[in-house]
Amino acid sequence: MSHPTARPAETGGAAPPSSNAVVAVLAFAGIVVSLMQTLVIPIVPELPRLLDAPSSDTAWAVTATLLAAAVATPVTGRLGDMYGKRRMLLISVVMLIAGSVTAALSDSLTPMVVGRVLQGLASGVIPLGISIMRDELPAERLGSATALMGASLGVGGALGLPAAALIADNFDWHALFWTSAGMGVVAGVLVLALVPESKVRSGGRFDVVGGVGMAVGLVCLLLAISKGADWGWSSGTTLGLFAAAVVVLLVWGRWELRVSEPLVDLRATARRQVLVTNLASVAVGFAMFAMSLVIPQILQLPEATGYGLGRSMLAAGLVMAPSGLVMMATAPISAAVSRAKGPKVTLMIGSLIVAAGYGLNIALMDAVWHFVLVSCVIGAGIGFTYGSMPALIMSAVDPSETAAANSLNTLMRSIGTSTASAVAGVVLAQMTTRLGPVDLPSRDGFRTVLAVGAGAALLAFAVAAFIPRRTPAAGAQAPAAGSEPTEAAPARA
C-alpha cells in the first residue's frame, strides 16, 4: 500500500477556503443527501394512484433507495480513499441530481425506481465529508466538525419530513424531486468552489470481485429484512435470500482476507475499537429509527382510537423537526465531552439519553408536547452517539483508509435502521386494535416498539463498554492536514 501523501502548503494565488466554509458546505451536502430518507414519505400512500401501479410494486420507491445506498456507501468510500474523496463526493452529488431529475420527470413506476436508485447512490456523501474533514481541518476543529457532519444524517431526516409534507400538500408531487435536484446543484457548486481535494490517498487497484460480492450479499440480506414481512418470514423467498446472504458474505470475507488490495480491510475492521464501534452502530441505528416509526403514526391516527391525536402529516413532521435542531446543537457538546473524556464516554452517554427518551415516551403519549419533548431528548442522544462514532473510527485507522472505514460504519447504522423497520412492522402487525372495519396498531404495540428501541439503546451502551478504555479525542489524535500518520492511526498490515 502506498503511503498517504501530505497536502502541500498553499503557495501564492488565492487564499485557501476557511475551515468554517469547508465545514458548512460539507454539512449542508450531508443534510441534502439525508433528506432522501424522508422525501417520499408524504406521498407513499398515494404512489399507487400517481404511478398507476399496485402498492406492492410502488414500495420499491423506498426499498430501491435503501439497497442502492447499502451497496454504494462502502464502494464510494474505498474509491474516495484511492482516487480522491472530493472527486467521489462530487460524483455522489451528481448521482443525487440525476436521480432527482429522473424522478421529477416520471409518471410511471420504472423511471421512479430508477431515479430513487440513483438517489441512493449518493449516500456516501456523509462518510466522505467526514474523511475530507480529517484531511483538511486543523486538529482543534476536527472533533466538533465531524460531530456536526455525523449528526447531519439525523438532521436531514428530521427536517425533511415537514418540508416534504409542506411541498406535497401545496404543489404537484413532482416538485419534491425538483426541489431536491435544485438543492443538489447548490451543494455541488459549493463543493466545487470551497472544498479542496485532499492529497491523502491510498492508490492501488479497485477490488472488483470484492465489490460485486459485497453488493450481492448486502442486497440479499437487506432485501430479506425489508420485504420479509410482505413475503412471509418463513417463505422460501425470504429464507433463500437469508441463506444466500450468509453464503455469499462468507465467501466474500474469505476473498477479502486473501486479496492484496481488498475493498474492505477485514483485519483493520477486526481491531477491537473498530469492531465494537461498528457493532454499537447497528444498535444505535435501530434505536434511532424506532422513534421515526412510532411518533408520526400516533400523531396521525384518529382520536377515536383513544390514543391517536388526529394530526396531519405536516403537523407530525413539525413535531419531529426540533429533534434535528437539537442534534445539530448537541454536536459541539458531544465534541467537548469527547475531548475531555474520550468518544467512548460520549457514545455511552448518548445511548443512555436515547434509552431515557424512549422511557419517557412510554409514559408520555397523550399530548403533542409530549412527543416534542421526547423527540428532542432522543435527538440529543442521537447527536451524542453520531458525533462520537466517527472519532472512534478515525482514531483507529490509517488516514488513507478513513473514507472506507467511515463508510462501513455508516453501513452498519443502515443495517440497524432496516432491522428496526422490520421488527417494528412485525410487532405492529401482530398487536392491533379494531376501529370500525380497520385493524390499526394498538397502544400496547407502540409501547412495545418503544421498549425495544430503549433496549437497543441500552445494548449500544453495553457494547460500547468494551471499546478500549482511553481513546483521545479525534481532534487530538487524527493528524492535522499535511502531517504524517502517527501511531494513533496504525497503517494497514
Protein backbone atom coordinates (compact mmCIF):
# COMPACT_ATOMS: atom_id res chain seq x y z
CA MET A 1 0.00 0.00 0.00
CA SER A 2 1.34 3.40 -0.88
CA HIS A 3 1.79 5.87 1.95
CA PRO A 4 -0.56 8.83 2.04
CA THR A 5 0.85 11.98 0.57
CA ALA A 6 0.76 15.06 2.75
CA ARG A 7 -1.12 18.01 1.36
CA PRO A 8 1.40 20.67 0.40
CA ALA A 9 1.20 24.10 1.90
CA GLU A 10 -0.68 26.63 -0.17
CA THR A 11 1.66 28.96 -2.00
CA GLY A 12 0.61 32.08 -3.79
CA GLY A 13 -2.70 32.56 -5.56
CA ALA A 14 -5.99 32.77 -3.77
CA ALA A 15 -6.16 32.01 -0.08
CA PRO A 16 -7.48 28.54 0.74
CA PRO A 17 -11.10 28.32 1.93
CA SER A 18 -11.60 28.82 5.64
CA SER A 19 -12.29 25.87 7.91
CA ASN A 20 -15.73 27.29 8.68
CA ALA A 21 -16.63 27.37 4.99
CA VAL A 22 -15.47 23.79 4.43
CA VAL A 23 -17.44 22.54 7.44
CA ALA A 24 -20.59 24.45 6.46
CA VAL A 25 -20.53 23.20 2.87
CA LEU A 26 -19.91 19.58 3.81
CA ALA A 27 -22.61 19.65 6.50
CA PHE A 28 -25.06 21.18 4.01
CA ALA A 29 -24.25 18.46 1.48
CA GLY A 30 -24.81 15.82 4.17
CA ILE A 31 -28.21 17.28 5.08
CA VAL A 32 -29.24 17.44 1.40
CA VAL A 33 -28.40 13.77 0.88
CA SER A 34 -30.03 12.65 4.13
CA LEU A 35 -33.27 14.32 3.01
CA MET A 36 -33.69 11.34 0.67
CA GLN A 37 -34.72 9.26 3.70
CA THR A 38 -37.97 11.18 4.20
CA LEU A 39 -38.52 12.76 0.77
CA VAL A 40 -41.20 10.33 -0.43
CA ILE A 41 -42.88 9.55 2.91
CA PRO A 42 -45.72 12.09 2.44
CA ILE A 43 -46.68 10.60 -0.95
CA VAL A 44 -46.14 6.88 -0.23
CA PRO A 45 -49.89 6.23 0.32
CA GLU A 46 -50.64 8.00 -2.99
CA LEU A 47 -47.95 6.33 -5.12
CA PRO A 48 -50.21 3.51 -6.42
CA ARG A 49 -52.57 6.12 -7.86
CA LEU A 50 -49.85 8.51 -9.00
CA LEU A 51 -47.82 5.82 -10.77
CA ASP A 52 -50.72 3.56 -11.78
CA ALA A 53 -49.14 0.54 -10.11
CA PRO A 54 -50.04 -1.82 -7.23
CA SER A 55 -48.86 -0.81 -3.76
CA SER A 56 -46.62 -3.88 -3.52
CA ASP A 57 -44.69 -2.55 -6.51
CA THR A 58 -44.62 1.12 -5.55
CA ALA A 59 -42.96 0.11 -2.26
CA TRP A 60 -39.82 -0.28 -4.36
CA ALA A 61 -39.60 3.51 -4.46
CA VAL A 62 -38.41 3.21 -0.85
CA THR A 63 -36.69 -0.18 -0.95
CA ALA A 64 -34.61 0.62 -4.05
CA THR A 65 -33.01 3.61 -2.34
CA LEU A 66 -32.14 1.52 0.70
CA LEU A 67 -30.47 -1.20 -1.39
CA ALA A 68 -28.57 1.26 -3.59
CA ALA A 69 -27.30 3.14 -0.53
CA ALA A 70 -26.10 -0.06 1.15
CA VAL A 71 -24.05 -1.02 -1.90
CA ALA A 72 -22.80 2.45 -2.79
CA THR A 73 -21.63 3.65 0.62
CA PRO A 74 -18.64 1.30 1.14
CA VAL A 75 -17.75 1.34 -2.56
CA THR A 76 -17.60 5.14 -2.81
CA GLY A 77 -15.64 5.24 0.44
CA ARG A 78 -12.97 2.93 -0.93
CA LEU A 79 -12.86 4.79 -4.26
CA GLY A 80 -12.54 8.05 -2.33
CA ASP A 81 -9.52 6.73 -0.46
CA MET A 82 -7.98 5.59 -3.74
CA TYR A 83 -8.76 8.40 -6.18
CA GLY A 84 -9.85 11.43 -4.17
CA LYS A 85 -12.59 11.99 -1.62
CA ARG A 86 -13.78 15.31 -3.08
CA ARG A 87 -13.97 13.72 -6.52
CA MET A 88 -16.17 10.89 -5.26
CA LEU A 89 -18.26 13.33 -3.22
CA LEU A 90 -18.96 15.33 -6.39
CA ILE A 91 -19.83 12.16 -8.30
CA SER A 92 -22.25 11.26 -5.50
CA VAL A 93 -23.90 14.68 -5.70
CA VAL A 94 -24.23 14.27 -9.49
CA MET A 95 -25.97 10.93 -8.87
CA LEU A 96 -28.36 12.70 -6.50
CA ILE A 97 -29.16 15.37 -9.07
CA ALA A 98 -29.61 12.82 -11.86
CA GLY A 99 -31.88 10.69 -9.70
CA SER A 100 -33.95 13.68 -8.62
CA VAL A 101 -34.45 14.86 -12.20
CA THR A 102 -35.34 11.34 -13.34
CA ALA A 103 -37.96 11.00 -10.59
CA ALA A 104 -39.25 14.51 -11.25
CA LEU A 105 -39.90 13.60 -14.90
CA SER A 106 -41.53 10.27 -14.08
CA ASP A 107 -45.20 9.38 -14.24
CA SER A 108 -44.78 5.61 -14.07
CA LEU A 109 -43.07 3.12 -11.78
CA THR A 110 -39.92 2.24 -13.71
CA PRO A 111 -38.39 5.73 -14.05
CA MET A 112 -39.37 6.49 -10.45
CA VAL A 113 -37.49 3.43 -9.19
CA VAL A 114 -34.51 4.26 -11.42
CA GLY A 115 -34.46 7.77 -10.01
CA ARG A 116 -34.64 6.51 -6.45
CA VAL A 117 -31.76 4.10 -7.11
CA LEU A 118 -29.63 6.98 -8.38
CA GLN A 119 -30.53 9.00 -5.29
CA GLY A 120 -29.46 6.09 -3.11
CA LEU A 121 -26.08 6.02 -4.85
CA ALA A 122 -25.38 9.44 -3.29
CA SER A 123 -25.43 8.09 0.25
CA GLY A 124 -21.64 8.09 0.61
CA VAL A 125 -21.54 11.88 0.94
CA ILE A 126 -21.57 11.91 4.77
CA PRO A 127 -18.68 9.46 5.38
CA LEU A 128 -16.74 11.10 2.54
CA GLY A 129 -17.32 14.50 4.12
CA ILE A 130 -16.07 13.29 7.50
CA SER A 131 -12.95 11.92 5.82
CA ILE A 132 -12.31 15.20 3.98
CA MET A 133 -12.52 16.98 7.32
CA ARG A 134 -9.86 14.70 8.77
CA ASP A 135 -7.54 15.52 5.88
CA GLU A 136 -8.17 19.26 5.65
CA LEU A 137 -9.08 20.73 9.04
CA PRO A 138 -6.72 21.76 11.83
CA ALA A 139 -6.73 19.31 14.72
CA GLU A 140 -8.51 21.66 17.11
CA ARG A 141 -11.52 21.92 14.76
CA LEU A 142 -11.83 18.27 13.81
CA GLY A 143 -13.85 16.95 16.75
CA SER A 144 -16.70 19.46 16.56
CA ALA A 145 -16.74 19.40 12.74
CA THR A 146 -17.03 15.63 12.44
CA ALA A 147 -19.66 15.58 15.18
CA LEU A 148 -21.72 18.07 13.18
CA MET A 149 -21.22 16.09 9.96
CA GLY A 150 -22.20 12.85 11.67
CA ALA A 151 -25.33 14.47 13.09
CA SER A 152 -26.33 15.80 9.63
CA LEU A 153 -27.75 12.35 8.83
CA GLY A 154 -30.35 12.74 11.56
CA VAL A 155 -30.81 16.47 10.93
CA GLY A 156 -31.77 15.96 7.29
CA GLY A 157 -34.16 13.17 8.15
CA ALA A 158 -35.89 15.20 10.87
CA LEU A 159 -36.18 18.44 8.88
CA GLY A 160 -37.03 16.69 5.62
CA LEU A 161 -40.38 15.29 6.76
CA PRO A 162 -42.17 18.61 7.43
CA ALA A 163 -40.56 20.21 4.38
CA ALA A 164 -41.64 17.34 2.13
CA ALA A 165 -45.15 17.33 3.62
CA LEU A 166 -45.46 21.09 3.06
CA ILE A 167 -44.40 20.76 -0.59
CA ALA A 168 -46.64 17.73 -1.21
CA ASP A 169 -49.66 19.47 0.33
CA ASN A 170 -49.29 22.68 -1.70
CA PHE A 171 -47.70 21.70 -5.00
CA ASP A 172 -47.64 18.91 -7.56
CA TRP A 173 -45.74 15.90 -6.15
CA HIS A 174 -43.03 16.28 -8.81
CA ALA A 175 -41.96 19.46 -7.01
CA LEU A 176 -40.46 17.27 -4.27
CA PHE A 177 -37.86 15.98 -6.67
CA TRP A 178 -37.27 19.27 -8.46
CA THR A 179 -36.55 20.78 -5.05
CA SER A 180 -34.05 18.04 -4.19
CA ALA A 181 -32.41 18.47 -7.61
CA GLY A 182 -32.03 22.20 -7.00
CA MET A 183 -30.54 21.65 -3.56
CA GLY A 184 -28.16 19.10 -5.08
CA VAL A 185 -26.98 21.65 -7.64
CA VAL A 186 -26.35 24.19 -4.89
CA ALA A 187 -24.41 21.63 -2.87
CA GLY A 188 -22.32 20.62 -5.90
CA VAL A 189 -21.43 24.22 -6.76
CA LEU A 190 -20.44 24.96 -3.17
CA VAL A 191 -18.26 21.85 -3.00
CA LEU A 192 -16.55 22.80 -6.26
CA ALA A 193 -15.93 26.34 -5.04
CA LEU A 194 -14.98 25.83 -1.41
CA VAL A 195 -13.87 22.25 -0.66
CA PRO A 196 -10.26 21.37 -1.55
CA GLU A 197 -9.21 17.98 -2.88
CA SER A 198 -7.16 16.05 -0.38
CA LYS A 199 -3.80 14.59 -1.39
CA VAL A 200 -4.15 11.79 1.19
CA ARG A 201 -4.78 8.75 -0.99
CA SER A 202 -4.03 5.08 -0.82
CA GLY A 203 -3.74 4.42 -4.55
CA GLY A 204 -3.84 0.82 -5.70
CA ARG A 205 -6.34 -1.19 -7.72
CA PHE A 206 -10.06 -1.42 -7.04
CA ASP A 207 -11.25 -4.83 -5.88
CA VAL A 208 -13.97 -5.53 -8.47
CA VAL A 209 -14.65 -9.07 -7.28
CA GLY A 210 -14.95 -7.86 -3.71
CA GLY A 211 -17.30 -5.07 -4.78
CA VAL A 212 -19.61 -7.43 -6.66
CA GLY A 213 -19.57 -10.00 -3.84
CA MET A 214 -20.36 -7.44 -1.20
CA ALA A 215 -23.14 -5.94 -3.33
CA VAL A 216 -24.80 -9.32 -3.87
CA GLY A 217 -24.52 -10.27 -0.20
CA LEU A 218 -25.89 -6.96 1.09
CA VAL A 219 -28.76 -6.87 -1.41
CA CYS A 220 -29.80 -10.39 -0.39
CA LEU A 221 -29.60 -9.53 3.31
CA LEU A 222 -31.40 -6.18 3.19
CA LEU A 223 -33.99 -7.36 0.68
CA ALA A 224 -34.90 -10.23 3.03
CA ILE A 225 -35.07 -7.85 6.01
CA SER A 226 -37.10 -5.15 4.26
CA LYS A 227 -39.52 -7.38 2.32
CA GLY A 228 -39.75 -10.35 4.68
CA ALA A 229 -42.99 -9.12 6.25
CA ASP A 230 -44.64 -8.82 2.81
CA TRP A 231 -43.38 -12.16 1.52
CA GLY A 232 -43.68 -14.02 4.82
CA TRP A 233 -40.75 -14.63 7.16
CA SER A 234 -40.97 -18.37 6.61
CA SER A 235 -41.45 -18.18 2.83
CA GLY A 236 -38.96 -19.81 0.51
CA THR A 237 -38.01 -16.46 -0.99
CA THR A 238 -37.17 -14.84 2.35
CA LEU A 239 -35.31 -17.85 3.74
CA GLY A 240 -33.50 -18.31 0.45
CA LEU A 241 -32.31 -14.72 0.47
CA PHE A 242 -31.07 -15.01 4.06
CA ALA A 243 -29.23 -18.23 3.19
CA ALA A 244 -27.73 -16.67 0.05
CA ALA A 245 -26.58 -13.65 2.07
CA VAL A 246 -24.79 -15.88 4.59
CA VAL A 247 -23.06 -17.96 1.91
CA VAL A 248 -22.08 -15.03 -0.30
CA LEU A 249 -20.78 -12.89 2.58
CA LEU A 250 -18.73 -15.79 3.96
CA VAL A 251 -17.15 -16.39 0.55
CA TRP A 252 -16.66 -12.65 0.15
CA GLY A 253 -14.93 -12.45 3.55
CA ARG A 254 -12.55 -15.23 2.59
CA TRP A 255 -11.73 -13.42 -0.64
CA GLU A 256 -11.14 -10.11 1.15
CA LEU A 257 -8.69 -11.78 3.54
CA ARG A 258 -6.68 -13.25 0.67
CA VAL A 259 -6.58 -10.42 -1.89
CA SER A 260 -3.70 -7.96 -1.62
CA GLU A 261 -5.83 -4.81 -2.02
CA PRO A 262 -9.28 -5.60 -0.59
CA LEU A 263 -12.38 -3.47 -0.86
CA VAL A 264 -12.75 -3.73 2.94
CA ASP A 265 -9.69 -4.41 5.06
CA LEU A 266 -11.24 -7.00 7.36
CA ARG A 267 -8.10 -7.14 9.51
CA ALA A 268 -8.42 -3.43 10.24
CA THR A 269 -12.16 -3.88 10.76
CA ALA A 270 -11.45 -6.64 13.29
CA ARG A 271 -9.42 -4.28 15.50
CA ARG A 272 -11.25 -4.13 18.79
CA GLN A 273 -12.06 -0.44 18.65
CA VAL A 274 -13.40 -0.54 15.07
CA LEU A 275 -15.28 -3.82 15.52
CA VAL A 276 -17.00 -2.83 18.77
CA THR A 277 -17.88 0.64 17.44
CA ASN A 278 -19.49 -0.91 14.35
CA LEU A 279 -21.48 -3.34 16.50
CA ALA A 280 -22.67 -0.46 18.67
CA SER A 281 -23.59 1.43 15.49
CA VAL A 282 -26.04 -1.29 14.48
CA ALA A 283 -27.82 -0.93 17.83
CA VAL A 284 -27.77 2.89 17.61
CA GLY A 285 -29.23 2.80 14.09
CA PHE A 286 -32.00 0.53 15.35
CA ALA A 287 -32.72 2.78 18.32
CA MET A 288 -32.79 5.95 16.23
CA PHE A 289 -35.26 4.63 13.66
CA ALA A 290 -37.76 3.29 16.19
CA MET A 291 -38.70 6.91 17.02
CA SER A 292 -39.35 7.71 13.35
CA LEU A 293 -41.67 4.71 13.06
CA VAL A 294 -43.78 5.33 16.17
CA ILE A 295 -44.21 9.06 16.73
CA PRO A 296 -45.61 10.08 13.30
CA GLN A 297 -48.09 7.18 13.34
CA ILE A 298 -49.52 8.01 16.78
CA LEU A 299 -49.80 11.67 15.86
CA GLN A 300 -51.76 10.85 12.69
CA LEU A 301 -54.05 8.07 13.97
CA PRO A 302 -57.68 9.14 14.56
CA GLU A 303 -58.63 10.40 18.00
CA ALA A 304 -61.35 7.74 18.04
CA THR A 305 -58.69 5.14 18.79
CA GLY A 306 -58.30 6.66 22.25
CA TYR A 307 -54.58 7.31 21.81
CA GLY A 308 -54.18 8.80 18.32
CA LEU A 309 -54.02 12.58 18.08
CA GLY A 310 -55.58 13.04 14.63
CA ARG A 311 -52.91 15.37 13.27
CA SER A 312 -51.83 15.87 9.66
CA MET A 313 -48.60 14.64 8.11
CA LEU A 314 -47.32 18.22 8.14
CA ALA A 315 -48.10 18.59 11.86
CA ALA A 316 -46.37 15.28 12.58
CA GLY A 317 -43.31 16.48 10.67
CA LEU A 318 -43.24 19.74 12.59
CA VAL A 319 -43.30 17.79 15.86
CA MET A 320 -40.26 15.81 14.70
CA ALA A 321 -38.36 18.81 13.29
CA PRO A 322 -36.99 20.15 16.63
CA SER A 323 -35.12 16.87 17.13
CA GLY A 324 -32.98 17.70 14.09
CA LEU A 325 -32.14 21.12 15.52
CA VAL A 326 -31.27 19.52 18.85
CA MET A 327 -28.93 17.07 17.08
CA MET A 328 -27.14 20.00 15.50
CA ALA A 329 -26.98 21.91 18.78
CA THR A 330 -25.52 18.96 20.68
CA ALA A 331 -22.72 18.36 18.15
CA PRO A 332 -20.27 20.81 19.83
CA ILE A 333 -21.23 19.45 23.27
CA SER A 334 -20.53 15.93 22.02
CA ALA A 335 -17.14 17.07 20.74
CA ALA A 336 -16.30 18.75 24.06
CA VAL A 337 -17.12 15.59 26.01
CA SER A 338 -15.02 13.55 23.58
CA ARG A 339 -12.06 15.88 24.07
CA ALA A 340 -12.36 15.68 27.84
CA LYS A 341 -13.29 12.03 28.38
CA GLY A 342 -12.87 10.30 25.03
CA PRO A 343 -15.51 9.45 22.42
CA LYS A 344 -16.23 6.12 24.12
CA VAL A 345 -17.78 8.02 27.04
CA THR A 346 -19.71 10.24 24.62
CA LEU A 347 -21.17 7.20 22.87
CA MET A 348 -22.22 5.65 26.18
CA ILE A 349 -23.80 8.90 27.42
CA GLY A 350 -25.70 9.30 24.16
CA SER A 351 -27.01 5.74 24.33
CA LEU A 352 -28.34 6.32 27.85
CA ILE A 353 -30.04 9.57 26.77
CA VAL A 354 -31.77 7.74 23.90
CA ALA A 355 -32.95 5.00 26.26
CA ALA A 356 -34.27 7.64 28.68
CA GLY A 357 -36.15 9.31 25.83
CA TYR A 358 -37.93 6.09 24.94
CA GLY A 359 -38.74 5.53 28.61
CA LEU A 360 -40.34 8.97 28.70
CA ASN A 361 -42.33 8.19 25.57
CA ILE A 362 -43.78 5.02 27.07
CA ALA A 363 -45.18 7.16 29.91
CA LEU A 364 -46.00 10.30 27.89
CA MET A 365 -48.20 9.62 24.84
CA ASP A 366 -51.26 11.82 25.34
CA ALA A 367 -50.41 15.29 24.02
CA VAL A 368 -48.45 16.88 21.19
CA TRP A 369 -45.98 18.48 23.60
CA HIS A 370 -45.18 15.03 24.97
CA PHE A 371 -43.88 13.98 21.57
CA VAL A 372 -41.97 17.23 21.05
CA LEU A 373 -40.22 16.67 24.38
CA VAL A 374 -39.48 13.01 23.65
CA SER A 375 -38.17 13.65 20.13
CA CYS A 376 -35.85 16.36 21.47
CA VAL A 377 -34.47 14.08 24.21
CA ILE A 378 -33.88 11.24 21.75
CA GLY A 379 -32.43 13.73 19.24
CA ALA A 380 -29.93 14.90 21.85
CA GLY A 381 -28.86 11.31 22.45
CA ILE A 382 -28.52 10.64 18.73
CA GLY A 383 -26.44 13.81 18.41
CA PHE A 384 -24.04 12.46 21.03
CA THR A 385 -23.79 8.99 19.51
CA TYR A 386 -23.47 10.10 15.89
CA GLY A 387 -20.86 12.65 16.90
CA SER A 388 -18.73 10.10 18.71
CA MET A 389 -18.61 7.25 16.21
CA PRO A 390 -16.53 8.99 13.50
CA ALA A 391 -13.98 9.96 16.17
CA LEU A 392 -13.73 6.35 17.35
CA ILE A 393 -13.29 5.05 13.81
CA MET A 394 -10.77 7.66 12.69
CA SER A 395 -8.56 7.22 15.72
CA ALA A 396 -8.13 3.53 14.87
CA VAL A 397 -7.41 3.56 11.12
CA ASP A 398 -4.78 4.97 8.79
CA PRO A 399 -5.65 8.34 7.16
CA SER A 400 -5.61 6.67 3.73
CA GLU A 401 -8.40 4.32 4.87
CA THR A 402 -10.63 6.89 6.56
CA ALA A 403 -13.36 7.10 3.92
CA ALA A 404 -13.71 3.32 3.60
CA ALA A 405 -13.81 2.86 7.39
CA ASN A 406 -16.38 5.64 7.91
CA SER A 407 -18.48 4.28 5.04
CA LEU A 408 -18.55 0.84 6.62
CA ASN A 409 -19.64 2.40 9.91
CA THR A 410 -22.45 4.22 8.10
CA LEU A 411 -23.49 0.92 6.52
CA MET A 412 -23.72 -0.67 9.97
CA ARG A 413 -26.13 2.05 11.07
CA SER A 414 -28.20 1.47 7.92
CA ILE A 415 -28.46 -2.23 8.73
CA GLY A 416 -29.70 -1.25 12.18
CA THR A 417 -32.40 1.06 10.77
CA SER A 418 -33.53 -1.59 8.27
CA THR A 419 -33.79 -4.15 11.04
CA ALA A 420 -35.75 -1.70 13.20
CA SER A 421 -38.26 -1.19 10.40
CA ALA A 422 -38.73 -4.94 10.00
CA VAL A 423 -39.07 -5.63 13.73
CA ALA A 424 -41.48 -2.73 14.27
CA GLY A 425 -43.54 -3.88 11.31
CA VAL A 426 -43.92 -7.36 12.79
CA VAL A 427 -44.82 -6.04 16.26
CA LEU A 428 -47.37 -3.51 14.99
CA ALA A 429 -48.94 -6.05 12.62
CA GLN A 430 -49.44 -8.52 15.48
CA MET A 431 -50.64 -6.10 18.18
CA THR A 432 -53.69 -4.37 16.73
CA THR A 433 -56.99 -2.83 17.70
CA ARG A 434 -60.13 -2.58 15.56
CA LEU A 435 -61.62 0.77 14.58
CA GLY A 436 -64.72 0.12 12.51
CA PRO A 437 -63.70 -2.21 9.67
CA VAL A 438 -59.99 -1.43 10.01
CA ASP A 439 -57.27 -3.01 12.17
CA LEU A 440 -54.82 -0.43 13.49
CA PRO A 441 -51.67 -0.79 15.64
CA SER A 442 -52.62 -0.77 19.32
CA ARG A 443 -51.25 1.45 22.08
CA ASP A 444 -49.54 -1.59 23.59
CA GLY A 445 -47.97 -2.33 20.19
CA PHE A 446 -46.45 1.13 20.03
CA ARG A 447 -45.25 0.84 23.61
CA THR A 448 -43.63 -2.47 22.76
CA VAL A 449 -41.73 -0.91 19.86
CA LEU A 450 -40.63 1.94 22.14
CA ALA A 451 -39.44 -0.58 24.72
CA VAL A 452 -37.49 -2.43 22.03
CA GLY A 453 -35.94 0.89 20.96
CA ALA A 454 -34.91 1.56 24.56
CA GLY A 455 -33.46 -1.94 24.75
CA ALA A 456 -31.44 -1.32 21.58
CA ALA A 457 -30.03 1.88 23.09
CA LEU A 458 -29.08 0.04 26.28
CA LEU A 459 -27.47 -2.67 24.15
CA ALA A 460 -25.41 0.04 22.42
CA PHE A 461 -24.33 1.27 25.87
CA ALA A 462 -23.30 -2.24 26.93
CA VAL A 463 -21.41 -2.92 23.68
CA ALA A 464 -19.64 0.45 23.86
CA ALA A 465 -18.30 -0.51 27.29
CA PHE A 466 -15.98 -2.97 25.51
CA ILE A 467 -14.27 -0.24 23.47
CA PRO A 468 -10.67 0.21 24.71
CA ARG A 469 -10.67 2.30 27.89
CA ARG A 470 -8.99 5.50 26.82
CA THR A 471 -9.28 6.98 23.34
CA PRO A 472 -8.00 10.53 22.86
CA ALA A 473 -10.41 12.85 21.16
CA ALA A 474 -10.39 12.80 17.39
CA GLY A 475 -9.10 16.29 17.25
CA ALA A 476 -6.07 15.35 19.29
CA GLN A 477 -5.47 12.04 17.66
CA ALA A 478 -6.16 12.46 14.00
CA PRO A 479 -3.29 14.04 12.14
CA ALA A 480 -3.72 17.57 11.01
CA ALA A 481 -3.73 18.27 7.32
CA GLY A 482 -0.29 17.84 5.93
CA SER A 483 1.08 15.71 8.75
CA GLU A 484 2.30 12.15 8.60
CA PRO A 485 0.36 9.25 10.14
CA THR A 486 1.12 8.58 13.77
CA GLU A 487 0.90 5.53 15.93
CA ALA A 488 -2.63 6.57 16.86
CA ALA A 489 -3.64 5.65 13.30
CA PRO A 490 -1.74 2.48 12.50
CA ALA A 491 -1.04 1.63 8.91
CA ARG A 492 -2.67 -1.42 7.39
CA ALA A 493 -0.64 -4.56 7.54
